[in-house]
Amino acid sequence: MASILNSLSRVKRSDIVMSVRDIKKIFMEGGQPLHVLSGGGFDLAKGEIVALVGPSGSGKSTLLQCVGLLDKPTSGSILIGSVPVHQMSEEERTIIRRKKIGFVYQRHNLLSDFTALENVMMPMLANGVSEDVAAARALKLLKDVHVEHRASHLPGEMSGGEQQRTAVARALANEPDIILADEPTGSLDPAHASAVFDLLLDIVHKKKMAMLFVTHDMGLAARGTRKITIVNGVVNRL
């Protein structure tokens, strides 16, 4: 713990890619407020791989949705770099999300009617990259995750491990600063889960990204730089 705290104390503000402060999220359920997130926060620095842990229903996925700009917190602040994204419009947050954040989900969420290559191309095409450039980069990314031989295959023609590797390639398509992963190996058997997680860690490390990942597997959590927990709705830095 001391070594981690010492290393964090040497992190420059310019290395901080995300800052979250006093984040709260309230849902209305049956006319009553449900306080899912009740404060707290964290910083995420370039090169960090941080595990987000806590019991089921504690708000981990809600926090990931908020910091991933897919939902707005009820209150609190979220900065990507030095930009206060929590104040932005939906359109502005979409632009930031496409450029700065890559997502890996428990289920691969690939589009079933499109090939692996086309699935990886789509985030780039949405950002205005030409089709030729997107295709070339998508093929390289599929090679990086060792599924280039499946480029022309539909998701239904691929194994679970191959589908999740393709989802990792898609998350990297726009060269994001931040990877957010929600139980990224939760749908895989142990052997494939370990291989996919090894691959994800290796790529994040090589590309000097930051990653925040949700997991119930404390073995995987221990492989991160440090942990963040949610206790009684409060986000705690460890």
Protein backbone atom coordinates (compact mmCIF):
# COMPACT_ATOMS: atom_id res chain seq x y z
CA MET A 1 0.00 0.00 0.00
CA ALA A 2 2.79 2.44 0.89
CA SER A 3 4.52 1.92 -2.45
CA ILE A 4 1.29 2.56 -4.34
CA LEU A 5 0.61 5.74 -2.37
CA ASN A 6 4.16 6.93 -2.95
CA SER A 7 3.90 6.32 -6.69
CA LEU A 8 0.58 8.17 -6.85
CA SER A 9 2.04 11.12 -5.00
CA ARG A 10 4.55 11.50 -7.85
CA VAL A 11 1.86 11.56 -10.55
CA LYS A 12 1.75 14.91 -12.29
CA ARG A 13 -1.60 16.61 -12.80
CA SER A 14 -0.89 16.46 -16.52
CA ASP A 15 -0.92 12.65 -16.22
CA ILE A 16 -4.47 12.62 -14.78
CA VAL A 17 -6.87 11.55 -17.52
CA MET A 18 -10.01 11.45 -15.34
CA SER A 19 -11.04 13.12 -12.09
CA VAL A 20 -14.29 12.30 -10.31
CA ARG A 21 -15.47 14.24 -7.25
CA ASP A 22 -18.50 13.89 -4.92
CA ILE A 23 -20.40 11.87 -7.52
CA LYS A 24 -24.03 11.13 -6.75
CA LYS A 25 -26.71 9.33 -8.72
CA ILE A 26 -30.33 9.12 -7.62
CA PHE A 27 -33.00 7.10 -9.41
CA MET A 28 -36.71 7.33 -8.71
CA GLU A 29 -38.27 3.97 -7.92
CA GLY A 30 -41.95 3.76 -7.07
CA GLY A 31 -41.98 7.48 -6.45
CA GLN A 32 -39.15 7.19 -3.92
CA PRO A 33 -35.53 8.28 -4.41
CA LEU A 34 -32.99 5.46 -4.68
CA HIS A 35 -29.50 6.72 -3.83
CA VAL A 36 -27.19 4.47 -5.84
CA LEU A 37 -24.10 6.68 -5.66
CA SER A 38 -23.73 8.90 -2.61
CA GLY A 39 -20.42 10.70 -3.01
CA GLY A 40 -16.71 10.12 -3.08
CA GLY A 41 -14.49 10.01 -6.12
CA PHE A 42 -11.09 9.19 -7.56
CA ASP A 43 -8.39 10.19 -10.02
CA LEU A 44 -7.30 7.95 -12.88
CA ALA A 45 -3.83 8.54 -14.26
CA LYS A 46 -2.21 7.64 -17.55
CA GLY A 47 -0.77 4.14 -17.33
CA GLU A 48 -2.92 3.06 -14.36
CA ILE A 49 -5.00 -0.11 -14.38
CA VAL A 50 -7.57 0.28 -11.62
CA ALA A 51 -10.04 -2.35 -10.40
CA LEU A 52 -13.52 -1.27 -9.32
CA VAL A 53 -14.83 -3.77 -6.79
CA GLY A 54 -17.81 -4.12 -4.51
CA PRO A 55 -20.84 -6.33 -3.89
CA SER A 56 -23.52 -6.82 -6.51
CA GLY A 57 -25.90 -3.88 -6.61
CA SER A 58 -23.42 -1.48 -5.03
CA GLY A 59 -23.39 0.86 -8.03
CA LYS A 60 -20.29 -0.23 -9.95
CA SER A 61 -21.98 -0.34 -13.35
CA THR A 62 -23.81 2.93 -12.59
CA LEU A 63 -20.48 4.60 -11.85
CA LEU A 64 -19.03 3.23 -15.09
CA GLN A 65 -22.04 4.52 -17.03
CA CYS A 66 -21.56 8.00 -15.55
CA VAL A 67 -17.80 8.28 -16.03
CA GLY A 68 -18.20 6.77 -19.50
CA LEU A 69 -20.58 9.63 -20.37
CA LEU A 70 -23.44 7.27 -21.14
CA ASP A 71 -25.46 8.73 -18.25
CA LYS A 72 -25.31 11.95 -16.23
CA PRO A 73 -24.70 11.97 -12.49
CA THR A 74 -27.33 13.70 -10.37
CA SER A 75 -24.55 15.88 -8.94
CA GLY A 76 -20.79 15.98 -8.61
CA SER A 77 -18.08 16.55 -11.18
CA ILE A 78 -16.34 14.46 -13.84
CA LEU A 79 -13.32 15.83 -15.66
CA ILE A 80 -11.71 14.17 -18.67
CA GLY A 81 -8.26 15.73 -18.62
CA SER A 82 -9.18 19.22 -17.48
CA VAL A 83 -12.54 19.34 -19.28
CA PRO A 84 -15.69 19.32 -17.07
CA VAL A 85 -17.69 16.82 -19.11
CA HIS A 86 -20.53 16.52 -16.58
CA GLN A 87 -21.69 20.00 -17.69
CA MET A 88 -21.80 19.13 -21.39
CA SER A 89 -24.79 18.49 -23.61
CA GLU A 90 -25.55 14.99 -24.84
CA GLU A 91 -24.06 15.80 -28.25
CA GLU A 92 -20.84 17.16 -26.71
CA ARG A 93 -20.50 14.16 -24.40
CA THR A 94 -20.95 11.82 -27.37
CA ILE A 95 -18.06 13.50 -29.19
CA ILE A 96 -15.79 13.25 -26.14
CA ARG A 97 -16.83 9.63 -25.55
CA ARG A 98 -16.00 8.64 -29.12
CA LYS A 99 -12.60 10.28 -29.01
CA LYS A 100 -11.42 9.58 -25.49
CA ILE A 101 -13.08 6.40 -24.18
CA GLY A 102 -13.18 2.78 -25.28
CA PHE A 103 -15.63 0.29 -23.78
CA VAL A 104 -15.36 -3.46 -23.20
CA TYR A 105 -18.46 -5.14 -21.81
CA GLN A 106 -19.12 -8.53 -20.22
CA ARG A 107 -20.92 -9.57 -23.38
CA HIS A 108 -19.11 -8.65 -26.55
CA ASN A 109 -22.06 -6.60 -27.93
CA LEU A 110 -20.86 -7.08 -31.50
CA LEU A 111 -23.41 -6.40 -34.23
CA SER A 112 -24.48 -9.82 -35.46
CA ASP A 113 -25.04 -8.83 -39.11
CA PHE A 114 -21.56 -7.37 -39.58
CA THR A 115 -18.19 -9.08 -39.82
CA ALA A 116 -15.46 -8.75 -37.22
CA LEU A 117 -13.66 -6.28 -39.48
CA GLU A 118 -16.80 -4.18 -39.96
CA ASN A 119 -17.54 -4.16 -36.22
CA VAL A 120 -14.07 -2.76 -35.50
CA MET A 121 -14.35 -0.23 -38.31
CA MET A 122 -17.62 1.26 -37.06
CA PRO A 123 -16.27 3.51 -34.26
CA MET A 124 -13.75 4.97 -36.72
CA LEU A 125 -16.37 5.58 -39.39
CA ALA A 126 -18.53 7.34 -36.78
CA ASN A 127 -15.56 9.65 -36.14
CA GLY A 128 -15.26 10.54 -39.82
CA VAL A 129 -12.34 8.27 -40.73
CA SER A 130 -12.40 7.19 -44.38
CA GLU A 131 -13.46 3.61 -45.14
CA ASP A 132 -10.06 2.61 -46.54
CA VAL A 133 -8.15 3.95 -43.53
CA ALA A 134 -10.66 2.41 -41.11
CA ALA A 135 -10.40 -0.99 -42.82
CA ALA A 136 -6.60 -0.97 -42.71
CA ARG A 137 -6.51 0.04 -39.06
CA ALA A 138 -9.24 -2.45 -38.11
CA LEU A 139 -7.29 -5.28 -39.71
CA LYS A 140 -4.17 -4.29 -37.78
CA LEU A 141 -6.14 -4.21 -34.53
CA LEU A 142 -7.58 -7.66 -35.24
CA LYS A 143 -4.01 -8.84 -35.81
CA ASP A 144 -2.96 -7.27 -32.49
CA VAL A 145 -5.61 -9.32 -30.67
CA HIS A 146 -4.83 -12.47 -32.70
CA VAL A 147 -8.11 -12.83 -34.61
CA GLU A 148 -7.17 -11.42 -38.01
CA HIS A 149 -8.06 -14.83 -39.49
CA ARG A 150 -11.65 -14.12 -38.44
CA ALA A 151 -11.87 -10.70 -40.11
CA SER A 152 -14.53 -11.79 -42.61
CA HIS A 153 -16.54 -13.87 -40.14
CA LEU A 154 -19.79 -12.88 -38.45
CA PRO A 155 -19.85 -12.96 -34.63
CA GLY A 156 -22.02 -16.08 -34.67
CA GLU A 157 -19.27 -17.90 -36.54
CA MET A 158 -16.67 -17.13 -33.86
CA SER A 159 -15.93 -18.60 -30.43
CA GLY A 160 -16.66 -16.65 -27.26
CA GLY A 161 -12.99 -15.86 -26.80
CA GLU A 162 -12.67 -14.65 -30.39
CA GLN A 163 -15.76 -12.47 -30.01
CA GLN A 164 -14.37 -10.84 -26.87
CA ARG A 165 -10.97 -10.27 -28.50
CA THR A 166 -12.79 -8.56 -31.36
CA ALA A 167 -14.63 -6.42 -28.79
CA VAL A 168 -11.25 -5.40 -27.35
CA ALA A 169 -10.07 -4.41 -30.84
CA ARG A 170 -13.24 -2.34 -31.29
CA ALA A 171 -12.62 -0.56 -27.96
CA LEU A 172 -9.17 0.44 -29.23
CA ALA A 173 -10.37 1.63 -32.64
CA ASN A 174 -10.19 5.38 -31.96
CA GLU A 175 -7.01 5.21 -29.86
CA PRO A 176 -8.75 6.26 -26.62
CA ASP A 177 -6.98 7.60 -23.55
CA ILE A 178 -9.24 5.56 -21.27
CA ILE A 179 -10.56 1.99 -21.40
CA LEU A 180 -13.64 1.23 -19.29
CA ALA A 181 -14.33 -2.47 -18.90
CA ASP A 182 -17.39 -3.95 -17.16
CA GLU A 183 -16.63 -7.56 -16.19
CA PRO A 184 -14.69 -7.93 -19.48
CA THR A 185 -14.12 -11.68 -19.03
CA GLY A 186 -17.28 -12.51 -17.06
CA SER A 187 -18.91 -14.46 -19.88
CA LEU A 188 -15.86 -16.64 -20.61
CA ASP A 189 -14.59 -19.90 -19.15
CA PRO A 190 -11.49 -19.55 -16.92
CA ALA A 191 -8.93 -20.43 -19.60
CA HIS A 192 -10.32 -17.98 -22.16
CA ALA A 193 -10.94 -15.36 -19.45
CA SER A 194 -7.30 -15.42 -18.40
CA ALA A 195 -6.07 -15.19 -22.01
CA VAL A 196 -8.35 -12.25 -22.86
CA PHE A 197 -7.47 -10.39 -19.67
CA ASP A 198 -3.74 -10.94 -20.27
CA LEU A 199 -4.18 -9.53 -23.76
CA LEU A 200 -6.13 -6.50 -22.52
CA LEU A 201 -3.55 -5.68 -19.85
CA ASP A 202 -0.70 -6.05 -22.32
CA ILE A 203 -2.28 -3.71 -24.88
CA VAL A 204 -3.25 -1.08 -22.29
CA HIS A 205 0.27 -1.18 -20.88
CA LYS A 206 1.98 -0.93 -24.27
CA LYS A 207 -0.21 1.93 -25.45
CA LYS A 208 0.13 3.77 -22.10
CA MET A 209 -3.64 4.08 -21.67
CA ALA A 210 -5.56 4.15 -18.41
CA MET A 211 -8.06 1.42 -17.60
CA LEU A 212 -10.85 1.21 -15.03
CA PHE A 213 -12.39 -2.25 -14.87
CA VAL A 214 -15.25 -3.76 -12.88
CA THR A 215 -14.71 -7.26 -11.58
CA HIS A 216 -15.95 -9.67 -8.92
CA ASP A 217 -12.80 -11.74 -9.37
CA MET A 218 -10.36 -10.65 -6.68
CA GLY A 219 -7.58 -12.46 -8.50
CA LEU A 220 -8.07 -10.17 -11.49
CA ALA A 221 -8.51 -7.15 -9.21
CA ALA A 222 -5.14 -7.88 -7.61
CA ARG A 223 -3.45 -7.53 -10.99
CA GLY A 224 -4.39 -3.87 -11.23
CA THR A 225 -2.36 -0.93 -9.99
CA ARG A 226 -4.85 -0.39 -7.16
CA LYS A 227 -8.53 -0.76 -6.28
CA ILE A 228 -11.58 1.47 -5.93
CA THR A 229 -14.53 0.26 -3.87
CA ILE A 230 -18.12 1.42 -3.44
CA VAL A 231 -19.35 1.10 0.16
CA ASN A 232 -22.86 2.29 1.02
CA GLY A 233 -22.89 4.17 -2.26
CA VAL A 234 -19.67 6.08 -1.54
CA VAL A 235 -16.74 5.70 -3.94
CA ASN A 236 -13.57 5.06 -1.98
CA ARG A 237 -9.98 5.21 -3.24
CA LEU A 238 -7.66 2.49 -1.86
